[in-house]
Protein backbone atom coordinates (compact mmCIF):
# COMPACT_ATOMS: atom_id res chain seq x y z
CA MET A 1 -89.61 -35.67 -7.05
CA SER A 2 -91.96 -33.93 -4.70
CA LYS A 3 -91.95 -30.14 -4.77
CA HIS A 4 -92.23 -30.10 -1.00
CA PHE A 5 -88.63 -31.20 -0.49
CA LEU A 6 -86.84 -29.05 -3.08
CA TRP A 7 -85.45 -26.92 -0.25
CA VAL A 8 -83.18 -29.85 0.66
CA LEU A 9 -81.12 -29.63 -2.54
CA PRO A 10 -79.15 -26.43 -1.75
CA TYR A 11 -78.12 -27.75 1.66
CA ALA A 12 -77.16 -31.17 0.32
CA GLY A 13 -75.21 -29.55 -2.52
CA GLY A 14 -73.42 -27.19 -0.12
CA ILE A 15 -72.44 -30.02 2.23
CA PHE A 16 -71.22 -32.15 -0.68
CA ALA A 17 -69.28 -29.22 -2.19
CA ALA A 18 -67.63 -28.42 1.14
CA LEU A 19 -66.57 -32.04 1.61
CA LEU A 20 -65.12 -32.16 -1.91
CA ALA A 21 -63.40 -28.76 -1.65
CA GLY A 22 -61.14 -29.80 1.23
CA PRO A 23 -59.08 -32.45 -0.56
CA LEU A 24 -59.12 -30.57 -3.86
CA LEU A 25 -57.95 -27.24 -2.45
CA SER A 26 -55.44 -28.76 -0.02
CA SER A 27 -53.48 -30.31 -2.88
CA MET A 28 -52.77 -26.90 -4.44
CA ALA A 29 -49.27 -25.44 -4.13
CA TRP A 30 -50.30 -22.09 -2.61
CA VAL A 31 -51.91 -23.82 0.35
CA GLN A 32 -48.52 -25.25 1.37
CA LEU A 33 -47.39 -21.72 2.32
CA PHE A 34 -50.03 -21.20 5.01
CA HIS A 35 -50.12 -22.47 8.58
CA ILE A 36 -51.98 -21.68 11.77
CA PRO A 37 -49.76 -19.47 13.97
CA LEU A 38 -48.55 -20.91 17.28
CA THR A 39 -49.58 -24.44 16.26
CA PRO A 40 -47.81 -27.16 14.27
CA VAL A 41 -50.81 -27.53 11.90
CA THR A 42 -49.83 -27.22 8.22
CA GLY A 43 -51.80 -25.37 5.55
CA PRO A 44 -53.44 -28.40 3.89
CA ASP A 45 -54.52 -29.81 7.24
CA ALA A 46 -55.89 -26.43 8.34
CA LEU A 47 -57.86 -26.13 5.09
CA ARG A 48 -59.31 -29.63 5.51
CA MET A 49 -60.36 -28.81 9.07
CA ILE A 50 -61.98 -25.56 7.92
CA THR A 51 -63.94 -27.28 5.14
CA ASP A 52 -65.04 -30.00 7.55
CA VAL A 53 -66.26 -27.34 9.99
CA VAL A 54 -68.14 -25.63 7.14
CA ALA A 55 -69.79 -28.93 6.14
CA LEU A 56 -70.80 -29.69 9.73
CA GLY A 57 -72.09 -26.13 10.14
CA LEU A 58 -74.20 -26.51 7.01
CA LEU A 59 -75.54 -29.76 8.43
CA LEU A 60 -76.56 -27.94 11.60
CA VAL A 61 -78.25 -25.16 9.61
CA PHE A 62 -80.00 -27.82 7.54
CA ALA A 63 -81.34 -29.39 10.74
CA LEU A 64 -82.62 -26.02 11.97
CA VAL A 65 -84.39 -25.30 8.68
CA ALA A 66 -85.76 -28.85 8.49
CA ASN A 67 -87.22 -28.47 11.98
CA GLN A 68 -89.11 -25.38 10.81
CA ARG A 69 -90.19 -26.74 7.43
CA LEU A 70 -91.38 -30.19 8.44
CA LEU A 71 -95.03 -29.97 9.30
CA ASP A 72 -96.78 -32.15 11.84
CA ASN A 73 -98.97 -34.12 9.47
CA GLY A 74 -99.38 -37.23 11.63
CA ARG A 75 -97.44 -39.45 9.22
CA GLY A 76 -94.07 -39.56 10.94
CA SER A 77 -92.99 -35.97 10.47
CA SER A 78 -93.34 -35.23 14.16
CA PHE A 79 -91.09 -38.20 14.97
CA LEU A 80 -88.56 -36.96 12.43
CA ARG A 81 -88.65 -33.47 13.93
CA GLU A 82 -88.06 -34.85 17.44
CA ILE A 83 -85.17 -37.12 16.45
CA LEU A 84 -83.49 -34.63 14.10
CA PHE A 85 -81.46 -32.62 16.66
CA PRO A 86 -80.11 -35.61 18.62
CA LEU A 87 -79.15 -37.32 15.36
CA VAL A 88 -77.39 -34.23 13.98
CA THR A 89 -75.62 -33.70 17.31
CA LEU A 90 -74.36 -37.27 17.24
CA ILE A 91 -73.17 -36.88 13.64
CA ILE A 92 -71.37 -33.62 14.47
CA VAL A 93 -69.62 -35.15 17.49
CA ILE A 94 -68.55 -38.29 15.63
CA PHE A 95 -67.41 -36.68 12.38
CA GLY A 96 -65.99 -33.60 14.09
CA GLY A 97 -63.83 -35.81 16.29
CA LYS A 98 -62.77 -37.86 13.30
CA ALA A 99 -61.88 -34.74 11.32
CA LEU A 100 -59.89 -33.35 14.22
CA ARG A 101 -58.05 -36.65 14.69
CA THR A 102 -57.10 -36.92 11.02
CA ALA A 103 -56.41 -33.35 9.90
CA GLY A 104 -55.63 -31.83 13.28
CA LEU A 105 -53.39 -34.54 14.72
CA PRO A 106 -50.56 -32.08 15.48
CA LEU A 107 -53.07 -29.93 17.34
CA VAL A 108 -54.29 -32.94 19.31
CA GLN A 109 -50.68 -33.82 20.14
CA GLN A 110 -50.07 -30.25 21.35
CA ILE A 111 -53.03 -30.19 23.75
CA GLY A 112 -52.45 -33.79 24.79
CA PRO A 113 -54.37 -36.90 23.73
CA SER A 114 -55.81 -37.47 27.21
CA THR A 115 -57.18 -33.91 27.31
CA PHE A 116 -58.68 -34.33 23.84
CA VAL A 117 -60.46 -37.55 24.77
């Protein structure tokens, strides 16, 4: 493994841990007691949405750091730097919408499906 890309491991580990923490923590009994006030979202669904937001936020921070760390060496790094933000934005929109549709379905029903779309 190249020493140049060791900075990727903490971000990848954080994203993976956040994605695993949602289902694991939402199955605990104490999470059943919580809910988001003024919304019909239950505690496990709220926790899954929060962990998904944390994972997507870490992905955005990873993209910002990668844009700074990738040097323009003429071997494709400049292309990767230019395509990084549109790719991360697309991933955040797709997976954020999917997370909101699965875990936040009562919230989507409250604001109206046509407004959400």
